[in-house]
Amino acid sequence: MYFIKVFKMAMKNNWLEPPEEIIADGKFHNCRMRGDSENSENGFYLFAPTSCPLGVIGLWKEKFALLWTVRPFRFLSNRDKFTCYVWFIVIRDELKRKGKRIRLPFPK
């Protein structure tokens, strides 16, 4: 699937080693951060199969994450922007629930 391939490229561009198979279930999955030992899982991702595919790419170690959308945020329809906003809230709340203090800036 094209979206998964683009998401994997975004992961690589943000210091993550994507797994062979991206699990598109809207849940957090750990993965390896480039340069870390083979067994470490200091990175994470979440891929949500919405009408406009979106995901989160993050580094537990650096306490940072970013929201990824298949198209630049400013070019999304209002409906897709709303979907992203709802997912952003869900993801932010899930991180808080897990006790993770991660910076997750909302795209502009």
N, C-alpha and C. Protein backbone atom coordinates (compact mmCIF):
# COMPACT_ATOMS: atom_id res chain seq x y z
N MET A 1 0.84 -1.18 0.00
CA MET A 1 0.00 0.00 0.00
C MET A 1 0.90 1.25 0.00
N TYR A 2 0.55 2.20 -0.81
CA TYR A 2 1.33 3.42 -1.00
C TYR A 2 1.52 4.19 0.31
N PHE A 3 0.45 4.34 1.09
CA PHE A 3 0.52 5.14 2.31
C PHE A 3 1.51 4.55 3.32
N ILE A 4 1.53 3.24 3.40
CA ILE A 4 2.45 2.56 4.33
C ILE A 4 3.89 2.83 3.90
N LYS A 5 4.14 2.78 2.60
CA LYS A 5 5.49 3.02 2.08
C LYS A 5 5.94 4.45 2.42
N VAL A 6 5.07 5.42 2.25
CA VAL A 6 5.39 6.82 2.56
C VAL A 6 5.60 6.99 4.07
N PHE A 7 4.77 6.31 4.87
CA PHE A 7 4.90 6.37 6.32
C PHE A 7 6.25 5.79 6.76
N LYS A 8 6.66 4.69 6.16
CA LYS A 8 7.96 4.08 6.48
C LYS A 8 9.10 5.04 6.14
N MET A 9 8.98 5.76 5.02
CA MET A 9 10.01 6.73 4.66
C MET A 9 10.06 7.85 5.69
N ALA A 10 8.89 8.28 6.17
CA ALA A 10 8.85 9.32 7.21
C ALA A 10 9.50 8.81 8.49
N MET A 11 9.30 7.55 8.82
CA MET A 11 9.93 6.97 10.00
C MET A 11 11.45 7.01 9.85
N LYS A 12 11.95 6.59 8.69
CA LYS A 12 13.39 6.59 8.45
C LYS A 12 13.96 8.00 8.52
N ASN A 13 13.21 8.98 8.03
CA ASN A 13 13.67 10.37 8.06
C ASN A 13 13.67 10.95 9.47
N ASN A 14 13.03 10.26 10.40
CA ASN A 14 12.95 10.72 11.79
C ASN A 14 13.60 9.74 12.76
N TRP A 15 14.69 9.11 12.33
CA TRP A 15 15.58 8.29 13.17
C TRP A 15 14.98 6.98 13.63
N LEU A 16 13.97 6.48 12.95
CA LEU A 16 13.40 5.19 13.35
C LEU A 16 13.69 4.14 12.29
N GLU A 17 13.84 2.92 12.75
CA GLU A 17 13.96 1.77 11.86
C GLU A 17 12.57 1.12 11.78
N PRO A 18 11.87 1.31 10.67
CA PRO A 18 10.52 0.74 10.60
C PRO A 18 10.56 -0.78 10.57
N PRO A 19 9.57 -1.42 11.19
CA PRO A 19 9.50 -2.88 11.13
C PRO A 19 9.12 -3.32 9.71
N GLU A 20 9.30 -4.59 9.44
CA GLU A 20 8.91 -5.14 8.13
C GLU A 20 7.46 -4.81 7.82
N GLU A 21 6.60 -5.04 8.80
CA GLU A 21 5.17 -4.83 8.60
C GLU A 21 4.66 -3.76 9.57
N ILE A 22 4.05 -2.73 9.01
CA ILE A 22 3.42 -1.69 9.83
C ILE A 22 2.02 -2.19 10.21
N ILE A 23 1.74 -2.16 11.50
CA ILE A 23 0.42 -2.58 11.98
C ILE A 23 -0.48 -1.34 11.99
N ALA A 24 -1.49 -1.35 11.16
CA ALA A 24 -2.38 -0.20 11.00
C ALA A 24 -3.65 -0.41 11.81
N ASP A 25 -3.49 -0.30 13.15
CA ASP A 25 -4.64 -0.55 14.02
C ASP A 25 -4.95 0.62 14.95
N GLY A 26 -4.25 1.75 14.77
CA GLY A 26 -4.51 2.91 15.62
C GLY A 26 -3.99 2.76 17.03
N LYS A 27 -3.04 1.84 17.24
CA LYS A 27 -2.45 1.63 18.57
C LYS A 27 -0.95 1.87 18.50
N PHE A 28 -0.35 2.14 19.67
CA PHE A 28 1.09 2.37 19.73
C PHE A 28 1.85 1.06 19.59
N HIS A 29 2.95 1.13 18.83
CA HIS A 29 3.84 -0.01 18.65
C HIS A 29 5.27 0.48 18.79
N ASN A 30 6.08 -0.25 19.54
CA ASN A 30 7.47 0.12 19.72
C ASN A 30 8.30 -0.32 18.52
N CYS A 31 9.36 0.43 18.29
CA CYS A 31 10.31 0.06 17.23
C CYS A 31 11.68 0.60 17.61
N ARG A 32 12.66 0.23 16.85
CA ARG A 32 14.05 0.58 17.16
C ARG A 32 14.39 1.96 16.61
N MET A 33 15.13 2.71 17.42
CA MET A 33 15.65 4.00 16.99
C MET A 33 17.00 3.75 16.32
N ARG A 34 17.21 4.37 15.18
CA ARG A 34 18.46 4.16 14.44
C ARG A 34 19.65 4.52 15.33
N GLY A 35 20.66 3.66 15.33
CA GLY A 35 21.86 3.89 16.12
C GLY A 35 21.83 3.23 17.49
N ASP A 36 20.66 2.79 17.93
CA ASP A 36 20.56 2.10 19.21
C ASP A 36 20.84 0.62 19.02
N SER A 37 21.01 -0.09 20.12
CA SER A 37 21.29 -1.52 20.04
C SER A 37 20.11 -2.26 19.40
N GLU A 38 20.39 -3.44 18.91
CA GLU A 38 19.39 -4.22 18.17
C GLU A 38 18.10 -4.48 18.94
N ASN A 39 18.20 -4.70 20.23
CA ASN A 39 17.02 -5.07 21.02
C ASN A 39 16.29 -3.88 21.64
N SER A 40 16.84 -2.69 21.47
CA SER A 40 16.18 -1.53 22.10
C SER A 40 14.93 -1.15 21.31
N GLU A 41 13.98 -0.62 22.00
CA GLU A 41 12.75 -0.14 21.37
C GLU A 41 12.45 1.26 21.90
N ASN A 42 13.35 2.19 21.58
CA ASN A 42 13.24 3.55 22.06
C ASN A 42 12.37 4.43 21.17
N GLY A 43 11.88 3.86 20.09
CA GLY A 43 10.98 4.60 19.21
C GLY A 43 9.60 3.98 19.22
N PHE A 44 8.66 4.71 18.67
CA PHE A 44 7.31 4.16 18.57
C PHE A 44 6.60 4.76 17.36
N TYR A 45 5.54 4.08 16.96
CA TYR A 45 4.70 4.60 15.89
C TYR A 45 3.27 4.19 16.16
N LEU A 46 2.39 4.88 15.50
CA LEU A 46 0.97 4.56 15.50
C LEU A 46 0.50 4.90 14.10
N PHE A 47 -0.21 4.00 13.46
CA PHE A 47 -0.76 4.27 12.12
C PHE A 47 -2.25 4.01 12.18
N ALA A 48 -3.02 5.01 11.78
CA ALA A 48 -4.49 4.91 11.81
C ALA A 48 -5.03 4.91 10.38
N PRO A 49 -5.73 3.86 10.02
CA PRO A 49 -6.28 3.78 8.66
C PRO A 49 -7.58 4.58 8.55
N THR A 50 -7.47 5.90 8.54
CA THR A 50 -8.64 6.77 8.44
C THR A 50 -8.87 7.15 6.99
N SER A 51 -9.88 7.99 6.72
CA SER A 51 -10.13 8.43 5.35
C SER A 51 -8.91 9.16 4.78
N CYS A 52 -8.18 9.83 5.63
CA CYS A 52 -6.90 10.44 5.27
C CYS A 52 -5.87 9.81 6.20
N PRO A 53 -5.14 8.79 5.73
CA PRO A 53 -4.24 8.07 6.62
C PRO A 53 -3.34 9.00 7.43
N LEU A 54 -3.23 8.70 8.72
CA LEU A 54 -2.37 9.50 9.59
C LEU A 54 -1.66 8.60 10.57
N GLY A 55 -0.62 9.14 11.14
CA GLY A 55 0.15 8.37 12.09
C GLY A 55 0.91 9.27 13.03
N VAL A 56 1.55 8.65 13.98
CA VAL A 56 2.43 9.34 14.91
C VAL A 56 3.76 8.61 14.86
N ILE A 57 4.82 9.40 14.83
CA ILE A 57 6.18 8.88 14.85
C ILE A 57 6.85 9.51 16.06
N GLY A 58 7.47 8.71 16.90
CA GLY A 58 8.05 9.31 18.09
C GLY A 58 9.24 8.58 18.66
N LEU A 59 9.91 9.27 19.56
CA LEU A 59 11.08 8.74 20.23
C LEU A 59 10.86 8.82 21.73
N TRP A 60 10.70 7.67 22.38
CA TRP A 60 10.52 7.66 23.83
C TRP A 60 11.71 8.32 24.50
N LYS A 61 12.88 7.99 24.01
CA LYS A 61 14.14 8.46 24.60
C LYS A 61 14.25 9.99 24.56
N GLU A 62 13.81 10.60 23.47
CA GLU A 62 13.91 12.04 23.30
C GLU A 62 12.65 12.78 23.76
N LYS A 63 11.63 12.01 24.13
CA LYS A 63 10.35 12.59 24.58
C LYS A 63 9.74 13.53 23.55
N PHE A 64 9.74 13.05 22.31
CA PHE A 64 9.20 13.85 21.22
C PHE A 64 8.43 12.97 20.25
N ALA A 65 7.38 13.52 19.68
CA ALA A 65 6.61 12.81 18.66
C ALA A 65 6.09 13.83 17.66
N LEU A 66 5.73 13.35 16.49
CA LEU A 66 5.10 14.23 15.52
C LEU A 66 3.93 13.51 14.87
N LEU A 67 2.94 14.29 14.53
CA LEU A 67 1.76 13.78 13.85
C LEU A 67 2.04 13.80 12.36
N TRP A 68 1.84 12.68 11.69
CA TRP A 68 2.11 12.54 10.26
C TRP A 68 0.80 12.39 9.52
N THR A 69 0.67 13.10 8.42
CA THR A 69 -0.48 12.92 7.53
C THR A 69 0.06 12.67 6.13
N VAL A 70 -0.73 11.98 5.35
CA VAL A 70 -0.27 11.60 4.01
C VAL A 70 -0.07 12.82 3.10
N ARG A 71 -0.83 13.88 3.36
CA ARG A 71 -0.66 15.14 2.62
C ARG A 71 -0.35 16.24 3.64
N PRO A 72 0.30 17.32 3.20
CA PRO A 72 0.52 18.43 4.14
C PRO A 72 -0.81 18.88 4.74
N PHE A 73 -0.77 19.18 6.03
CA PHE A 73 -1.98 19.50 6.78
C PHE A 73 -2.78 20.62 6.13
N ARG A 74 -2.11 21.63 5.64
CA ARG A 74 -2.83 22.79 5.08
C ARG A 74 -3.62 22.44 3.82
N PHE A 75 -3.31 21.31 3.19
CA PHE A 75 -4.03 20.91 1.98
C PHE A 75 -5.15 19.90 2.25
N LEU A 76 -5.36 19.55 3.50
CA LEU A 76 -6.42 18.59 3.82
C LEU A 76 -7.78 19.28 3.79
N SER A 77 -8.80 18.51 3.51
CA SER A 77 -10.17 19.04 3.57
C SER A 77 -10.50 19.32 5.02
N ASN A 78 -11.54 20.11 5.25
CA ASN A 78 -11.95 20.40 6.63
C ASN A 78 -12.33 19.12 7.36
N ARG A 79 -12.96 18.20 6.65
CA ARG A 79 -13.34 16.92 7.26
C ARG A 79 -12.11 16.15 7.73
N ASP A 80 -11.08 16.09 6.87
CA ASP A 80 -9.86 15.37 7.23
C ASP A 80 -9.10 16.09 8.34
N LYS A 81 -9.12 17.42 8.34
CA LYS A 81 -8.50 18.17 9.44
C LYS A 81 -9.19 17.84 10.76
N PHE A 82 -10.51 17.76 10.72
CA PHE A 82 -11.25 17.42 11.93
C PHE A 82 -10.88 16.01 12.41
N THR A 83 -10.79 15.07 11.48
CA THR A 83 -10.39 13.70 11.82
C THR A 83 -9.02 13.71 12.48
N CYS A 84 -8.08 14.47 11.91
CA CYS A 84 -6.74 14.57 12.49
C CYS A 84 -6.81 15.15 13.89
N TYR A 85 -7.63 16.17 14.07
CA TYR A 85 -7.74 16.80 15.38
C TYR A 85 -8.28 15.81 16.41
N VAL A 86 -9.30 15.05 16.05
CA VAL A 86 -9.86 14.06 16.97
C VAL A 86 -8.80 13.02 17.32
N TRP A 87 -8.08 12.52 16.33
CA TRP A 87 -7.02 11.54 16.60
C TRP A 87 -5.93 12.15 17.46
N PHE A 88 -5.60 13.42 17.22
CA PHE A 88 -4.59 14.10 18.01
C PHE A 88 -4.99 14.07 19.49
N ILE A 89 -6.25 14.37 19.79
CA ILE A 89 -6.75 14.37 21.16
C ILE A 89 -6.67 12.94 21.76
N VAL A 90 -7.09 11.96 20.98
CA VAL A 90 -7.05 10.56 21.44
C VAL A 90 -5.61 10.15 21.75
N ILE A 91 -4.69 10.48 20.86
CA ILE A 91 -3.28 10.10 21.03
C ILE A 91 -2.69 10.82 22.24
N ARG A 92 -2.95 12.11 22.34
CA ARG A 92 -2.44 12.88 23.48
C ARG A 92 -2.94 12.30 24.80
N ASP A 93 -4.22 11.98 24.85
CA ASP A 93 -4.80 11.41 26.07
C ASP A 93 -4.23 10.03 26.38
N GLU A 94 -3.99 9.23 25.35
CA GLU A 94 -3.41 7.90 25.56
C GLU A 94 -1.98 8.01 26.10
N LEU A 95 -1.21 8.97 25.58
CA LEU A 95 0.14 9.18 26.09
C LEU A 95 0.10 9.59 27.57
N LYS A 96 -0.83 10.47 27.91
CA LYS A 96 -0.98 10.89 29.30
C LYS A 96 -1.37 9.70 30.18
N ARG A 97 -2.30 8.88 29.69
CA ARG A 97 -2.75 7.72 30.44
C ARG A 97 -1.60 6.75 30.72
N LYS A 98 -0.70 6.64 29.76
CA LYS A 98 0.47 5.76 29.93
C LYS A 98 1.54 6.40 30.81
N GLY A 99 1.32 7.66 31.19
CA GLY A 99 2.29 8.36 32.03
C GLY A 99 3.49 8.87 31.25
N LYS A 100 3.35 9.02 29.96
CA LYS A 100 4.45 9.49 29.10
C LYS A 100 4.34 10.99 28.91
N ARG A 101 5.42 11.68 29.17
CA ARG A 101 5.46 13.12 28.94
C ARG A 101 6.18 13.35 27.62
N ILE A 102 5.41 13.41 26.56
CA ILE A 102 5.94 13.52 25.20
C ILE A 102 5.43 14.82 24.59
N ARG A 103 6.33 15.56 23.97
CA ARG A 103 5.90 16.75 23.21
C ARG A 103 5.30 16.26 21.89
N LEU A 104 4.08 16.66 21.63
CA LEU A 104 3.39 16.27 20.40
C LEU A 104 2.77 17.52 19.79
N PRO A 105 3.54 18.26 19.01
CA PRO A 105 2.99 19.47 18.42
C PRO A 105 1.95 19.15 17.36
N PHE A 106 0.90 19.95 17.32
CA PHE A 106 -0.13 19.78 16.31
C PHE A 106 0.30 20.49 15.04
N PRO A 107 0.17 19.86 13.87
CA PRO A 107 0.63 20.49 12.62
C PRO A 107 -0.19 21.73 12.27
N LYS A 108 0.44 22.60 11.53
CA LYS A 108 -0.22 23.84 11.10
C LYS A 108 -0.44 23.82 9.61
